[in-house]
Amino acid sequence: MSILELLEIKHPILLAPMAGVSTPELAAEVSNQGAFGSLGLGANTPETAKAQILKTQELTDHPFQVNFFCHQSEQLDPEIARQWIDYLRPQFEKFAAEAPTALHCIYPSFLDNDDFLNVVLETRPKAVSFHFGMPHPHQIQALKQAGIITMVSATNLLEAQAIEAAGIDIIIAQGIEAGGHRGIFNQHFDAAIKTSDLVQLITTHCDRPVIAAGGIMNGEQAKEMLNRGASAVQLGTAFVQCKSSSANAAYRKALFSQSITQISASLSGRPARGLIGTWHTQIDTPNRPATPQYPYTYDLAKQLMSIASAQHDFSYGAFWAGSNVAQIRELEAADLVNQLVLEIKTN
């Protein structure tokens, strides 16, 4: 069965599930054009995740995916947290603000309990994808029994082989060019393989369908990935600028005015690629202390971002973007899907 038949879509194009940016409206617009919409629900509670899924189902009767984080939840190391807060204290003081005294776990993991699983089983989206690792075996089995397609991001061959061995239906090959968080299972090791090479590597050694993700901004790049063995492509950065995304004005402006991205763990505690900002130019110094565990680091960053933006300094923003952001185009979701389809056919 082809991936088009498996996902019940017309075009081999997927919207990347971007937590904090994706919306039911954006997901529905992509799905309504015959591509595969998505909801990034990693930053949601079970209640808000359910509400977003139901809203999307009101806006489209076409299939879409939902996405959750499968990070290993860790206890916060108080000494590492203290050192990190002290290190960032001068940044808070720039805005005449006090640095926080405690950090909180703002993003739960799908692995922590079955609350998110139960939402998925109740609402029955076509597919569910996972980042930072895989669900527990009993969770995978429950999704399979419900007829829900499973997908997991892989950043190297061994992750892909583990995904296949676990019985996951589709492997998402996330290359180093991808914007946002790296899907690495072990945040202390990143093979840093570019998307085209990763696609070839995984398709050579694994039998599951592979979706190419990372650095894809147009149909020509998409066609290259399909020619290298990918069954479909997934784009995120290209869709952030759509009016139906929840990106703020500063984020949208930065996408069209900046072209250099860098990977940093200073914002969230896990490596993620975004547009160059204060985190990269002032905080990622050679003597930077270790960051607290994810997502405690993100709690601190979001507090600093909020304080800075309130004083019209948007350089601390988490403006996630892929390495080919300079090729971004101002198109609404439906038009972008149609343009990609046209370019894939003509290239």
C-alpha atoms as a PDB file:
ATOM      1  CA  MET A   1       0.000   0.000   0.000  1.00  0.00           C
ATOM      2  CA  SER A   2       1.354   3.434  -0.933  1.00  0.00           C
ATOM      3  CA  ILE A   3       1.632   6.163   1.669  1.00  0.00           C
ATOM      4  CA  LEU A   4      -1.087   8.089  -0.175  1.00  0.00           C
ATOM      5  CA  GLU A   5      -3.449   5.160   0.319  1.00  0.00           C
ATOM      6  CA  LEU A   6      -2.289   4.605   3.901  1.00  0.00           C
ATOM      7  CA  LEU A   7      -2.879   8.226   4.927  1.00  0.00           C
ATOM      8  CA  GLU A   8      -5.827   8.704   2.536  1.00  0.00           C
ATOM      9  CA  ILE A   9      -4.351  11.811   0.922  1.00  0.00           C
ATOM     10  CA  LYS A  10      -3.931  12.997  -2.688  1.00  0.00           C
ATOM     11  CA  HIS A  11      -0.484  14.566  -2.424  1.00  0.00           C
ATOM     12  CA  PRO A  12       2.722  13.331  -0.703  1.00  0.00           C
ATOM     13  CA  ILE A  13       2.948  16.520   1.355  1.00  0.00           C
ATOM     14  CA  LEU A  14       2.648  16.757   5.141  1.00  0.00           C
ATOM     15  CA  LEU A  15       2.434  19.812   7.341  1.00  0.00           C
ATOM     16  CA  ALA A  16       4.956  19.516  10.160  1.00  0.00           C
ATOM     17  CA  PRO A  17       3.273  19.453  13.581  1.00  0.00           C
ATOM     18  CA  MET A  18       4.688  22.606  15.176  1.00  0.00           C
ATOM     19  CA  ALA A  19       3.786  22.990  18.846  1.00  0.00           C
ATOM     20  CA  GLY A  20       2.903  26.574  19.618  1.00  0.00           C
ATOM     21  CA  VAL A  21       2.415  27.511  15.957  1.00  0.00           C
ATOM     22  CA  SER A  22       0.017  25.008  14.424  1.00  0.00           C
ATOM     23  CA  THR A  23      -3.712  25.646  14.687  1.00  0.00           C
ATOM     24  CA  PRO A  24      -6.873  23.742  13.765  1.00  0.00           C
ATOM     25  CA  GLU A  25      -7.392  26.257  10.963  1.00  0.00           C
ATOM     26  CA  LEU A  26      -3.939  25.663   9.457  1.00  0.00           C
ATOM     27  CA  ALA A  27      -4.283  21.894   9.760  1.00  0.00           C
ATOM     28  CA  ALA A  28      -7.696  21.942   8.102  1.00  0.00           C
ATOM     29  CA  GLU A  29      -6.585  24.187   5.238  1.00  0.00           C
ATOM     30  CA  VAL A  30      -3.724  21.815   4.404  1.00  0.00           C
ATOM     31  CA  SER A  31      -5.898  18.712   4.663  1.00  0.00           C
ATOM     32  CA  ASN A  32      -8.664  20.250   2.594  1.00  0.00           C
ATOM     33  CA  GLN A  33      -6.194  20.626  -0.284  1.00  0.00           C
ATOM     34  CA  GLY A  34      -5.446  16.910  -0.309  1.00  0.00           C
ATOM     35  CA  ALA A  35      -2.243  17.097   1.730  1.00  0.00           C
ATOM     36  CA  PHE A  36      -1.867  15.979   5.379  1.00  0.00           C
ATOM     37  CA  GLY A  37      -2.541  18.597   8.027  1.00  0.00           C
ATOM     38  CA  SER A  38      -1.238  18.400  11.570  1.00  0.00           C
ATOM     39  CA  LEU A  39      -1.579  19.607  15.129  1.00  0.00           C
ATOM     40  CA  GLY A  40       1.490  19.976  17.337  1.00  0.00           C
ATOM     41  CA  LEU A  41       0.050  19.165  20.754  1.00  0.00           C
ATOM     42  CA  GLY A  42       3.222  18.660  22.789  1.00  0.00           C
ATOM     43  CA  ALA A  43       2.685  21.902  24.710  1.00  0.00           C
ATOM     44  CA  ASN A  44      -0.982  21.176  25.460  1.00  0.00           C
ATOM     45  CA  THR A  45      -2.861  19.692  28.357  1.00  0.00           C
ATOM     46  CA  PRO A  46      -5.081  16.690  27.606  1.00  0.00           C
ATOM     47  CA  GLU A  47      -8.114  18.989  27.787  1.00  0.00           C
ATOM     48  CA  THR A  48      -6.787  21.584  25.324  1.00  0.00           C
ATOM     49  CA  ALA A  49      -5.409  18.848  23.055  1.00  0.00           C
ATOM     50  CA  LYS A  50      -8.873  17.301  22.825  1.00  0.00           C
ATOM     51  CA  ALA A  51     -10.430  20.681  22.083  1.00  0.00           C
ATOM     52  CA  GLN A  52      -7.976  21.333  19.233  1.00  0.00           C
ATOM     53  CA  ILE A  53      -8.599  17.928  17.679  1.00  0.00           C
ATOM     54  CA  LEU A  54     -12.377  18.361  17.840  1.00  0.00           C
ATOM     55  CA  LYS A  55     -12.095  21.848  16.360  1.00  0.00           C
ATOM     56  CA  THR A  56     -10.012  20.517  13.462  1.00  0.00           C
ATOM     57  CA  GLN A  57     -12.551  17.768  12.847  1.00  0.00           C
ATOM     58  CA  GLU A  58     -15.229  20.465  12.613  1.00  0.00           C
ATOM     59  CA  LEU A  59     -13.197  22.298   9.965  1.00  0.00           C
ATOM     60  CA  THR A  60     -12.315  19.315   7.775  1.00  0.00           C
ATOM     61  CA  ASP A  61     -13.518  15.813   7.068  1.00  0.00           C
ATOM     62  CA  HIS A  62     -10.116  14.969   5.612  1.00  0.00           C
ATOM     63  CA  PRO A  63      -7.428  13.107   7.585  1.00  0.00           C
ATOM     64  CA  PHE A  64      -4.718  14.790   9.653  1.00  0.00           C
ATOM     65  CA  GLN A  65      -2.095  13.887  12.257  1.00  0.00           C
ATOM     66  CA  VAL A  66      -1.580  14.920  15.866  1.00  0.00           C
ATOM     67  CA  ASN A  67       1.832  15.040  17.516  1.00  0.00           C
ATOM     68  CA  PHE A  68       3.130  14.540  21.055  1.00  0.00           C
ATOM     69  CA  PHE A  69       6.495  14.583  22.815  1.00  0.00           C
ATOM     70  CA  CYS A  70       7.994  11.359  24.151  1.00  0.00           C
ATOM     71  CA  HIS A  71      10.867  12.827  26.154  1.00  0.00           C
ATOM     72  CA  GLN A  72      12.099  11.004  29.221  1.00  0.00           C
ATOM     73  CA  SER A  73      10.810  13.053  32.145  1.00  0.00           C
ATOM     74  CA  GLU A  74      13.568  13.801  34.641  1.00  0.00           C
ATOM     75  CA  GLN A  75      13.743  15.306  38.087  1.00  0.00           C
ATOM     76  CA  LEU A  76      15.192  18.787  38.078  1.00  0.00           C
ATOM     77  CA  ASP A  77      18.757  19.001  39.392  1.00  0.00           C
ATOM     78  CA  PRO A  78      18.537  21.953  41.810  1.00  0.00           C
ATOM     79  CA  GLU A  79      22.224  22.846  41.542  1.00  0.00           C
ATOM     80  CA  ILE A  80      22.195  22.913  37.742  1.00  0.00           C
ATOM     81  CA  ALA A  81      19.007  24.977  37.873  1.00  0.00           C
ATOM     82  CA  ARG A  82      20.595  27.453  40.315  1.00  0.00           C
ATOM     83  CA  GLN A  83      23.684  27.847  38.133  1.00  0.00           C
ATOM     84  CA  TRP A  84      21.560  28.403  35.015  1.00  0.00           C
ATOM     85  CA  ILE A  85      19.326  30.965  36.718  1.00  0.00           C
ATOM     86  CA  ASP A  86      22.419  32.785  37.992  1.00  0.00           C
ATOM     87  CA  TYR A  87      23.934  32.723  34.523  1.00  0.00           C
ATOM     88  CA  LEU A  88      20.821  34.297  32.984  1.00  0.00           C
ATOM     89  CA  ARG A  89      20.236  36.746  35.826  1.00  0.00           C
ATOM     90  CA  PRO A  90      21.982  39.620  33.971  1.00  0.00           C
ATOM     91  CA  GLN A  91      19.583  39.127  31.060  1.00  0.00           C
ATOM     92  CA  PHE A  92      16.613  39.651  33.385  1.00  0.00           C
ATOM     93  CA  GLU A  93      18.312  42.634  34.994  1.00  0.00           C
ATOM     94  CA  LYS A  94      18.592  44.299  31.576  1.00  0.00           C
ATOM     95  CA  PHE A  95      14.814  44.671  31.755  1.00  0.00           C
ATOM     96  CA  ALA A  96      14.771  45.630  35.456  1.00  0.00           C
ATOM     97  CA  ALA A  97      13.245  42.250  36.250  1.00  0.00           C
ATOM     98  CA  GLU A  98      13.959  39.641  38.885  1.00  0.00           C
ATOM     99  CA  ALA A  99      15.064  36.191  37.738  1.00  0.00           C
ATOM    100  CA  PRO A 100      12.780  33.402  38.981  1.00  0.00           C
ATOM    101  CA  THR A 101      13.783  31.305  41.959  1.00  0.00           C
ATOM    102  CA  ALA A 102      12.224  28.061  40.719  1.00  0.00           C
ATOM    103  CA  LEU A 103      11.697  26.282  37.406  1.00  0.00           C
ATOM    104  CA  HIS A 104       8.671  24.207  36.457  1.00  0.00           C
ATOM    105  CA  CYS A 105       7.963  21.269  34.137  1.00  0.00           C
ATOM    106  CA  ILE A 106       5.753  23.053  31.621  1.00  0.00           C
ATOM    107  CA  TYR A 107       5.477  20.235  29.061  1.00  0.00           C
ATOM    108  CA  PRO A 108       4.379  16.743  30.115  1.00  0.00           C
ATOM    109  CA  SER A 109       5.494  13.692  28.170  1.00  0.00           C
ATOM    110  CA  PHE A 110       3.195  11.218  26.415  1.00  0.00           C
ATOM    111  CA  LEU A 111       5.128   8.601  28.397  1.00  0.00           C
ATOM    112  CA  ASP A 112       4.196   9.981  31.824  1.00  0.00           C
ATOM    113  CA  ASN A 113       0.700   8.494  31.835  1.00  0.00           C
ATOM    114  CA  ASP A 114      -2.095   7.517  29.433  1.00  0.00           C
ATOM    115  CA  ASP A 115      -4.000  10.827  29.538  1.00  0.00           C
ATOM    116  CA  PHE A 116      -2.912  11.897  26.039  1.00  0.00           C
ATOM    117  CA  LEU A 117      -3.348   8.342  24.744  1.00  0.00           C
ATOM    118  CA  ASN A 118      -6.940   8.337  25.953  1.00  0.00           C
ATOM    119  CA  VAL A 119      -7.601  11.637  24.147  1.00  0.00           C
ATOM    120  CA  VAL A 120      -6.292  10.135  20.897  1.00  0.00           C
ATOM    121  CA  LEU A 121      -8.318   6.943  21.343  1.00  0.00           C
ATOM    122  CA  GLU A 122     -11.436   8.987  22.026  1.00  0.00           C
ATOM    123  CA  THR A 123     -11.087  11.450  19.139  1.00  0.00           C
ATOM    124  CA  ARG A 124      -9.595   9.014  16.573  1.00  0.00           C
ATOM    125  CA  PRO A 125      -7.434  11.201  14.297  1.00  0.00           C
ATOM    126  CA  LYS A 126      -6.027   9.400  11.266  1.00  0.00           C
ATOM    127  CA  ALA A 127      -2.457   9.355  12.597  1.00  0.00           C
ATOM    128  CA  VAL A 128      -0.400  10.262  15.627  1.00  0.00           C
ATOM    129  CA  SER A 129       3.302  11.123  15.473  1.00  0.00           C
ATOM    130  CA  PHE A 130       5.925  11.335  18.186  1.00  0.00           C
ATOM    131  CA  HIS A 131       9.075  13.384  18.797  1.00  0.00           C
ATOM    132  CA  PHE A 132      12.042  12.738  21.136  1.00  0.00           C
ATOM    133  CA  GLY A 133      11.363   8.992  21.265  1.00  0.00           C
ATOM    134  CA  MET A 134       8.647   6.354  21.143  1.00  0.00           C
ATOM    135  CA  PRO A 135       5.549   5.574  23.208  1.00  0.00           C
ATOM    136  CA  HIS A 136       5.442   2.638  25.598  1.00  0.00           C
ATOM    137  CA  PRO A 137       4.693  -0.754  23.979  1.00  0.00           C
ATOM    138  CA  HIS A 138       1.201  -0.865  25.511  1.00  0.00           C
ATOM    139  CA  GLN A 139       0.478   2.582  24.060  1.00  0.00           C
ATOM    140  CA  ILE A 140       1.624   1.531  20.596  1.00  0.00           C
ATOM    141  CA  GLN A 141      -0.537  -1.588  20.839  1.00  0.00           C
ATOM    142  CA  ALA A 142      -3.588   0.430  21.872  1.00  0.00           C
ATOM    143  CA  LEU A 143      -3.144   2.791  18.926  1.00  0.00           C
ATOM    144  CA  LYS A 144      -2.767  -0.132  16.536  1.00  0.00           C
ATOM    145  CA  GLN A 145      -5.895  -1.808  17.861  1.00  0.00           C
ATOM    146  CA  ALA A 146      -7.766   1.453  17.293  1.00  0.00           C
ATOM    147  CA  GLY A 147      -6.583   1.582  13.677  1.00  0.00           C
ATOM    148  CA  ILE A 148      -4.602   4.806  14.228  1.00  0.00           C
ATOM    149  CA  ILE A 149      -1.438   5.125  12.141  1.00  0.00           C
ATOM    150  CA  THR A 150       1.755   5.752  14.113  1.00  0.00           C
ATOM    151  CA  MET A 151       4.775   7.804  13.033  1.00  0.00           C
ATOM    152  CA  VAL A 152       8.030   8.626  14.865  1.00  0.00           C
ATOM    153  CA  SER A 153      10.886  11.007  14.027  1.00  0.00           C
ATOM    154  CA  ALA A 154      14.347   9.492  13.500  1.00  0.00           C
ATOM    155  CA  THR A 155      17.578  11.469  13.200  1.00  0.00           C
ATOM    156  CA  ASN A 156      19.879   8.509  12.539  1.00  0.00           C
ATOM    157  CA  LEU A 157      19.758   4.923  11.322  1.00  0.00           C
ATOM    158  CA  LEU A 158      19.732   3.262  14.746  1.00  0.00           C
ATOM    159  CA  GLU A 159      16.731   5.313  15.826  1.00  0.00           C
ATOM    160  CA  ALA A 160      14.976   4.352  12.589  1.00  0.00           C
ATOM    161  CA  GLN A 161      15.702   0.661  13.152  1.00  0.00           C
ATOM    162  CA  ALA A 162      14.382   0.909  16.720  1.00  0.00           C
ATOM    163  CA  ILE A 163      11.237   2.587  15.387  1.00  0.00           C
ATOM    164  CA  GLU A 164      10.707  -0.194  12.869  1.00  0.00           C
ATOM    165  CA  ALA A 165      11.352  -2.900  15.481  1.00  0.00           C
ATOM    166  CA  ALA A 166       8.726  -1.340  17.741  1.00  0.00           C
ATOM    167  CA  GLY A 167       6.086  -1.780  15.043  1.00  0.00           C
ATOM    168  CA  ILE A 168       5.630   1.898  14.199  1.00  0.00           C
ATOM    169  CA  ASP A 169       4.018   2.351  10.772  1.00  0.00           C
ATOM    170  CA  ILE A 170       6.003   5.275   9.311  1.00  0.00           C
ATOM    171  CA  ILE A 171       9.491   6.700   9.917  1.00  0.00           C
ATOM    172  CA  ILE A 172       9.982  10.473   9.707  1.00  0.00           C
ATOM    173  CA  ALA A 173      13.575  11.137   8.620  1.00  0.00           C
ATOM    174  CA  GLN A 174      14.418  14.441  10.305  1.00  0.00           C
ATOM    175  CA  GLY A 175      17.582  15.875   8.798  1.00  0.00           C
ATOM    176  CA  ILE A 176      19.879  18.387  10.457  1.00  0.00           C
ATOM    177  CA  GLU A 177      18.398  21.178   8.298  1.00  0.00           C
ATOM    178  CA  ALA A 178      15.012  20.952  10.043  1.00  0.00           C
ATOM    179  CA  GLY A 179      13.752  23.882  12.071  1.00  0.00           C
ATOM    180  CA  GLY A 180      12.617  23.481  15.640  1.00  0.00           C
ATOM    181  CA  HIS A 181      13.573  20.743  18.039  1.00  0.00           C
ATOM    182  CA  ARG A 182      15.764  17.875  16.977  1.00  0.00           C
ATOM    183  CA  GLY A 183      13.917  14.611  17.463  1.00  0.00           C
ATOM    184  CA  ILE A 184      16.961  12.831  18.885  1.00  0.00           C
ATOM    185  CA  PHE A 185      16.140  10.132  21.415  1.00  0.00           C
ATOM    186  CA  ASN A 186      19.349  10.833  23.362  1.00  0.00           C
ATOM    187  CA  GLN A 187      19.733  14.596  23.633  1.00  0.00           C
ATOM    188  CA  HIS A 188      23.472  14.210  24.323  1.00  0.00           C
ATOM    189  CA  PHE A 189      24.134  12.563  20.953  1.00  0.00           C
ATOM    190  CA  ASP A 190      23.202  13.910  17.548  1.00  0.00           C
ATOM    191  CA  ALA A 191      24.482  12.264  14.365  1.00  0.00           C
ATOM    192  CA  ALA A 192      23.710  15.516  12.475  1.00  0.00           C
ATOM    193  CA  ILE A 193      22.918  13.829   9.136  1.00  0.00           C
ATOM    194  CA  LYS A 194      21.489  15.962   6.348  1.00  0.00           C
ATOM    195  CA  THR A 195      18.011  15.033   5.163  1.00  0.00           C
ATOM    196  CA  SER A 196      18.902  13.623   1.751  1.00  0.00           C
ATOM    197  CA  ASP A 197      21.562  11.313   3.198  1.00  0.00           C
ATOM    198  CA  LEU A 198      19.310  10.238   6.060  1.00  0.00           C
ATOM    199  CA  VAL A 199      16.515   9.330   3.650  1.00  0.00           C
ATOM    200  CA  GLN A 200      18.873   7.191   1.583  1.00  0.00           C
ATOM    201  CA  LEU A 201      20.305   5.547   4.685  1.00  0.00           C
ATOM    202  CA  ILE A 202      16.949   4.655   6.204  1.00  0.00           C
ATOM    203  CA  THR A 203      15.305   3.496   2.965  1.00  0.00           C
ATOM    204  CA  THR A 204      18.290   1.235   2.327  1.00  0.00           C
ATOM    205  CA  HIS A 205      18.145  -0.482   5.704  1.00  0.00           C
ATOM    206  CA  CYS A 206      14.463  -0.263   6.730  1.00  0.00           C
ATOM    207  CA  ASP A 207      11.239  -1.418   5.106  1.00  0.00           C
ATOM    208  CA  ARG A 208       8.833   1.146   6.566  1.00  0.00           C
ATOM    209  CA  PRO A 209       7.694   4.144   4.466  1.00  0.00           C
ATOM    210  CA  VAL A 210       9.924   7.159   5.049  1.00  0.00           C
ATOM    211  CA  ILE A 211       8.864  10.807   5.195  1.00  0.00           C
ATOM    212  CA  ALA A 212      11.634  13.338   4.516  1.00  0.00           C
ATOM    213  CA  ALA A 213      11.699  16.340   6.860  1.00  0.00           C
ATOM    214  CA  GLY A 214      14.216  19.151   7.010  1.00  0.00           C
ATOM    215  CA  GLY A 215      15.170  21.996   4.691  1.00  0.00           C
ATOM    216  CA  ILE A 216      12.322  21.444   2.226  1.00  0.00           C
ATOM    217  CA  MET A 217      10.812  24.733   1.066  1.00  0.00           C
ATOM    218  CA  ASN A 218       9.707  24.102  -2.532  1.00  0.00           C
ATOM    219  CA  GLY A 219       8.629  21.421  -4.969  1.00  0.00           C
ATOM    220  CA  GLU A 220      12.072  21.003  -6.478  1.00  0.00           C
ATOM    221  CA  GLN A 221      13.539  20.071  -3.085  1.00  0.00           C
ATOM    222  CA  ALA A 222      10.549  17.845  -2.386  1.00  0.00           C
ATOM    223  CA  LYS A 223      11.003  16.034  -5.691  1.00  0.00           C
ATOM    224  CA  GLU A 224      14.673  15.412  -4.859  1.00  0.00           C
ATOM    225  CA  MET A 225      13.669  13.682  -1.629  1.00  0.00           C
ATOM    226  CA  LEU A 226      11.051  11.595  -3.416  1.00  0.00           C
ATOM    227  CA  ASN A 227      13.665  10.587  -5.985  1.00  0.00           C
ATOM    228  CA  ARG A 228      15.987   9.524  -3.174  1.00  0.00           C
ATOM    229  CA  GLY A 229      13.396   7.106  -1.837  1.00  0.00           C
ATOM    230  CA  ALA A 230      11.133   9.126   0.445  1.00  0.00           C
ATOM    231  CA  SER A 231       7.438   8.255   0.196  1.00  0.00           C
ATOM    232  CA  ALA A 232       6.420  11.823   1.124  1.00  0.00           C
ATOM    233  CA  VAL A 233       7.840  15.093   2.449  1.00  0.00           C
ATOM    234  CA  GLN A 234       7.041  17.150   5.528  1.00  0.00           C
ATOM    235  CA  LEU A 235       7.362  20.945   5.647  1.00  0.00           C
ATOM    236  CA  GLY A 236       7.193  23.233   8.662  1.00  0.00           C
ATOM    237  CA  THR A 237       9.040  26.523   8.168  1.00  0.00           C
ATOM    238  CA  ALA A 238       7.335  27.146   4.819  1.00  0.00           C
ATOM    239  CA  PHE A 239       3.924  27.146   6.547  1.00  0.00           C
ATOM    240  CA  VAL A 240       4.746  29.236   9.641  1.00  0.00           C
ATOM    241  CA  GLN A 241       4.115  32.460   7.716  1.00  0.00           C
ATOM    242  CA  CYS A 242       0.548  31.483   6.780  1.00  0.00           C
ATOM    243  CA  LYS A 243      -2.099  33.733   8.310  1.00  0.00           C
ATOM    244  CA  SER A 244      -3.781  30.692   9.852  1.00  0.00           C
ATOM    245  CA  SER A 245      -0.723  29.819  11.951  1.00  0.00           C
ATOM    246  CA  SER A 246      -0.455  31.301  15.450  1.00  0.00           C
ATOM    247  CA  ALA A 247       3.004  32.817  14.854  1.00  0.00           C
ATOM    248  CA  ASN A 248       3.153  36.360  16.227  1.00  0.00           C
ATOM    249  CA  ALA A 249       4.032  39.439  14.181  1.00  0.00           C
ATOM    250  CA  ALA A 250       7.664  39.499  15.334  1.00  0.00           C
ATOM    251  CA  TYR A 251       8.129  35.860  14.285  1.00  0.00           C
ATOM    252  CA  ARG A 252       6.600  36.473  10.856  1.00  0.00           C
ATOM    253  CA  LYS A 253       8.757  39.556  10.314  1.00  0.00           C
ATOM    254  CA  ALA A 254      11.910  37.687  11.325  1.00  0.00           C
ATOM    255  CA  LEU A 255      11.191  34.871   8.863  1.00  0.00           C
ATOM    256  CA  PHE A 256      11.362  37.325   5.977  1.00  0.00           C
ATOM    257  CA  SER A 257      14.191  39.504   7.272  1.00  0.00           C
ATOM    258  CA  GLN A 258      16.692  36.956   8.585  1.00  0.00           C
ATOM    259  CA  SER A 259      18.309  34.031   6.812  1.00  0.00           C
ATOM    260  CA  ILE A 260      20.793  32.468   9.253  1.00  0.00           C
ATOM    261  CA  THR A 261      19.788  29.733  11.681  1.00  0.00           C
ATOM    262  CA  GLN A 262      21.639  27.930  14.431  1.00  0.00           C
ATOM    263  CA  ILE A 263      21.014  24.990  16.732  1.00  0.00           C
ATOM    264  CA  SER A 264      20.997  25.755  20.438  1.00  0.00           C
ATOM    265  CA  ALA A 265      19.843  24.030  23.620  1.00  0.00           C
ATOM    266  CA  SER A 266      19.830  27.271  25.621  1.00  0.00           C
ATOM    267  CA  LEU A 267      16.172  28.038  24.982  1.00  0.00           C
ATOM    268  CA  SER A 268      14.561  24.762  26.001  1.00  0.00           C
ATOM    269  CA  GLY A 269      17.229  22.395  27.253  1.00  0.00           C
ATOM    270  CA  ARG A 270      17.131  20.332  24.066  1.00  0.00           C
ATOM    271  CA  PRO A 271      18.828  21.140  20.737  1.00  0.00           C
ATOM    272  CA  ALA A 272      16.611  23.138  18.384  1.00  0.00           C
ATOM    273  CA  ARG A 273      17.251  25.153  15.199  1.00  0.00           C
ATOM    274  CA  GLY A 274      16.043  28.727  15.017  1.00  0.00           C
ATOM    275  CA  LEU A 275      16.825  32.141  13.635  1.00  0.00           C
ATOM    276  CA  ILE A 276      19.899  33.784  15.137  1.00  0.00           C
ATOM    277  CA  GLY A 277      18.985  35.825  18.208  1.00  0.00           C
ATOM    278  CA  THR A 278      20.282  36.842  21.602  1.00  0.00           C
ATOM    279  CA  TRP A 279      20.449  33.223  22.728  1.00  0.00           C
ATOM    280  CA  HIS A 280      23.024  32.485  20.038  1.00  0.00           C
ATOM    281  CA  THR A 281      24.990  35.745  20.160  1.00  0.00           C
ATOM    282  CA  GLN A 282      25.140  36.387  23.917  1.00  0.00           C
ATOM    283  CA  ILE A 283      24.116  33.295  25.874  1.00  0.00           C
ATOM    284  CA  ASP A 284      25.763  30.410  23.990  1.00  0.00           C
ATOM    285  CA  THR A 285      29.226  31.452  25.164  1.00  0.00           C
ATOM    286  CA  PRO A 286      32.080  28.916  25.351  1.00  0.00           C
ATOM    287  CA  ASN A 287      31.841  28.945  29.161  1.00  0.00           C
ATOM    288  CA  ARG A 288      28.053  28.546  29.279  1.00  0.00           C
ATOM    289  CA  PRO A 289      27.032  26.223  32.142  1.00  0.00           C
ATOM    290  CA  ALA A 290      24.959  23.122  31.547  1.00  0.00           C
ATOM    291  CA  THR A 291      21.264  23.713  30.967  1.00  0.00           C
ATOM    292  CA  PRO A 292      18.690  22.156  33.303  1.00  0.00           C
ATOM    293  CA  GLN A 293      16.671  19.228  32.041  1.00  0.00           C
ATOM    294  CA  TYR A 294      14.016  19.757  29.358  1.00  0.00           C
ATOM    295  CA  PRO A 295      11.523  21.381  29.679  1.00  0.00           C
ATOM    296  CA  TYR A 296      12.588  23.234  32.854  1.00  0.00           C
ATOM    297  CA  THR A 297      15.026  25.326  30.821  1.00  0.00           C
ATOM    298  CA  TYR A 298      12.164  26.318  28.530  1.00  0.00           C
ATOM    299  CA  ASP A 299      10.200  27.620  31.510  1.00  0.00           C
ATOM    300  CA  LEU A 300      12.981  30.090  32.279  1.00  0.00           C
ATOM    301  CA  ALA A 301      13.373  31.072  28.621  1.00  0.00           C
ATOM    302  CA  LYS A 302       9.671  31.725  28.179  1.00  0.00           C
ATOM    303  CA  GLN A 303       9.640  33.977  31.240  1.00  0.00           C
ATOM    304  CA  LEU A 304      12.573  35.956  29.838  1.00  0.00           C
ATOM    305  CA  MET A 305      10.953  36.130  26.391  1.00  0.00           C
ATOM    306  CA  SER A 306       7.747  37.476  27.912  1.00  0.00           C
ATOM    307  CA  ILE A 307       9.562  40.173  29.886  1.00  0.00           C
ATOM    308  CA  ALA A 308      11.686  41.207  26.895  1.00  0.00           C
ATOM    309  CA  SER A 309       8.810  41.312  24.411  1.00  0.00           C
ATOM    310  CA  ALA A 310       6.733  43.401  26.823  1.00  0.00           C
ATOM    311  CA  GLN A 311       9.519  45.982  26.447  1.00  0.00           C
ATOM    312  CA  HIS A 312       9.537  45.557  22.651  1.00  0.00           C
ATOM    313  CA  ASP A 313      12.719  43.472  22.525  1.00  0.00           C
ATOM    314  CA  PHE A 314      11.906  40.439  20.394  1.00  0.00           C
ATOM    315  CA  SER A 315      15.462  39.148  20.027  1.00  0.00           C
ATOM    316  CA  TYR A 316      14.823  36.496  22.695  1.00  0.00           C
ATOM    317  CA  GLY A 317      11.963  34.919  20.719  1.00  0.00           C
ATOM    318  CA  ALA A 318      11.933  31.212  19.949  1.00  0.00           C
ATOM    319  CA  PHE A 319      11.788  31.787  16.208  1.00  0.00           C
ATOM    320  CA  TRP A 320      12.219  28.196  15.061  1.00  0.00           C
ATOM    321  CA  ALA A 321      13.171  27.894  11.390  1.00  0.00           C
ATOM    322  CA  GLY A 322      14.940  25.500   9.045  1.00  0.00           C
ATOM    323  CA  SER A 323      18.266  26.158   7.353  1.00  0.00           C
ATOM    324  CA  ASN A 324      16.612  27.151   4.044  1.00  0.00           C
ATOM    325  CA  VAL A 325      14.401  29.835   5.583  1.00  0.00           C
ATOM    326  CA  ALA A 326      15.742  32.377   3.073  1.00  0.00           C
ATOM    327  CA  GLN A 327      13.597  30.615   0.459  1.00  0.00           C
ATOM    328  CA  ILE A 328      10.338  31.258   2.330  1.00  0.00           C
ATOM    329  CA  ARG A 329       7.388  32.540   0.294  1.00  0.00           C
ATOM    330  CA  GLU A 330       4.365  34.572   1.339  1.00  0.00           C
ATOM    331  CA  LEU A 331       1.549  32.181   0.486  1.00  0.00           C
ATOM    332  CA  GLU A 332      -1.536  31.024   2.310  1.00  0.00           C
ATOM    333  CA  ALA A 333      -1.730  27.338   3.192  1.00  0.00           C
ATOM    334  CA  ALA A 334      -4.002  26.234   0.356  1.00  0.00           C
ATOM    335  CA  ASP A 335      -1.996  28.178  -2.219  1.00  0.00           C
ATOM    336  CA  LEU A 336       1.286  26.836  -0.859  1.00  0.00           C
ATOM    337  CA  VAL A 337       0.080  23.241  -1.121  1.00  0.00           C
ATOM    338  CA  ASN A 338      -1.110  23.828  -4.694  1.00  0.00           C
ATOM    339  CA  GLN A 339       2.184  25.494  -5.609  1.00  0.00           C
ATOM    340  CA  LEU A 340       4.182  22.617  -4.165  1.00  0.00           C
ATOM    341  CA  VAL A 341       2.109  20.091  -6.090  1.00  0.00           C
ATOM    342  CA  LEU A 342       2.657  22.029  -9.311  1.00  0.00           C
ATOM    343  CA  GLU A 343       6.413  22.274  -8.702  1.00  0.00           C
ATOM    344  CA  ILE A 344       6.724  18.586  -7.892  1.00  0.00           C
ATOM    345  CA  LYS A 345       4.987  17.692 -11.127  1.00  0.00           C
ATOM    346  CA  THR A 346       7.049  20.059 -13.288  1.00  0.00           C
ATOM    347  CA  ASN A 347      10.505  19.480 -11.790  1.00  0.00           C
END
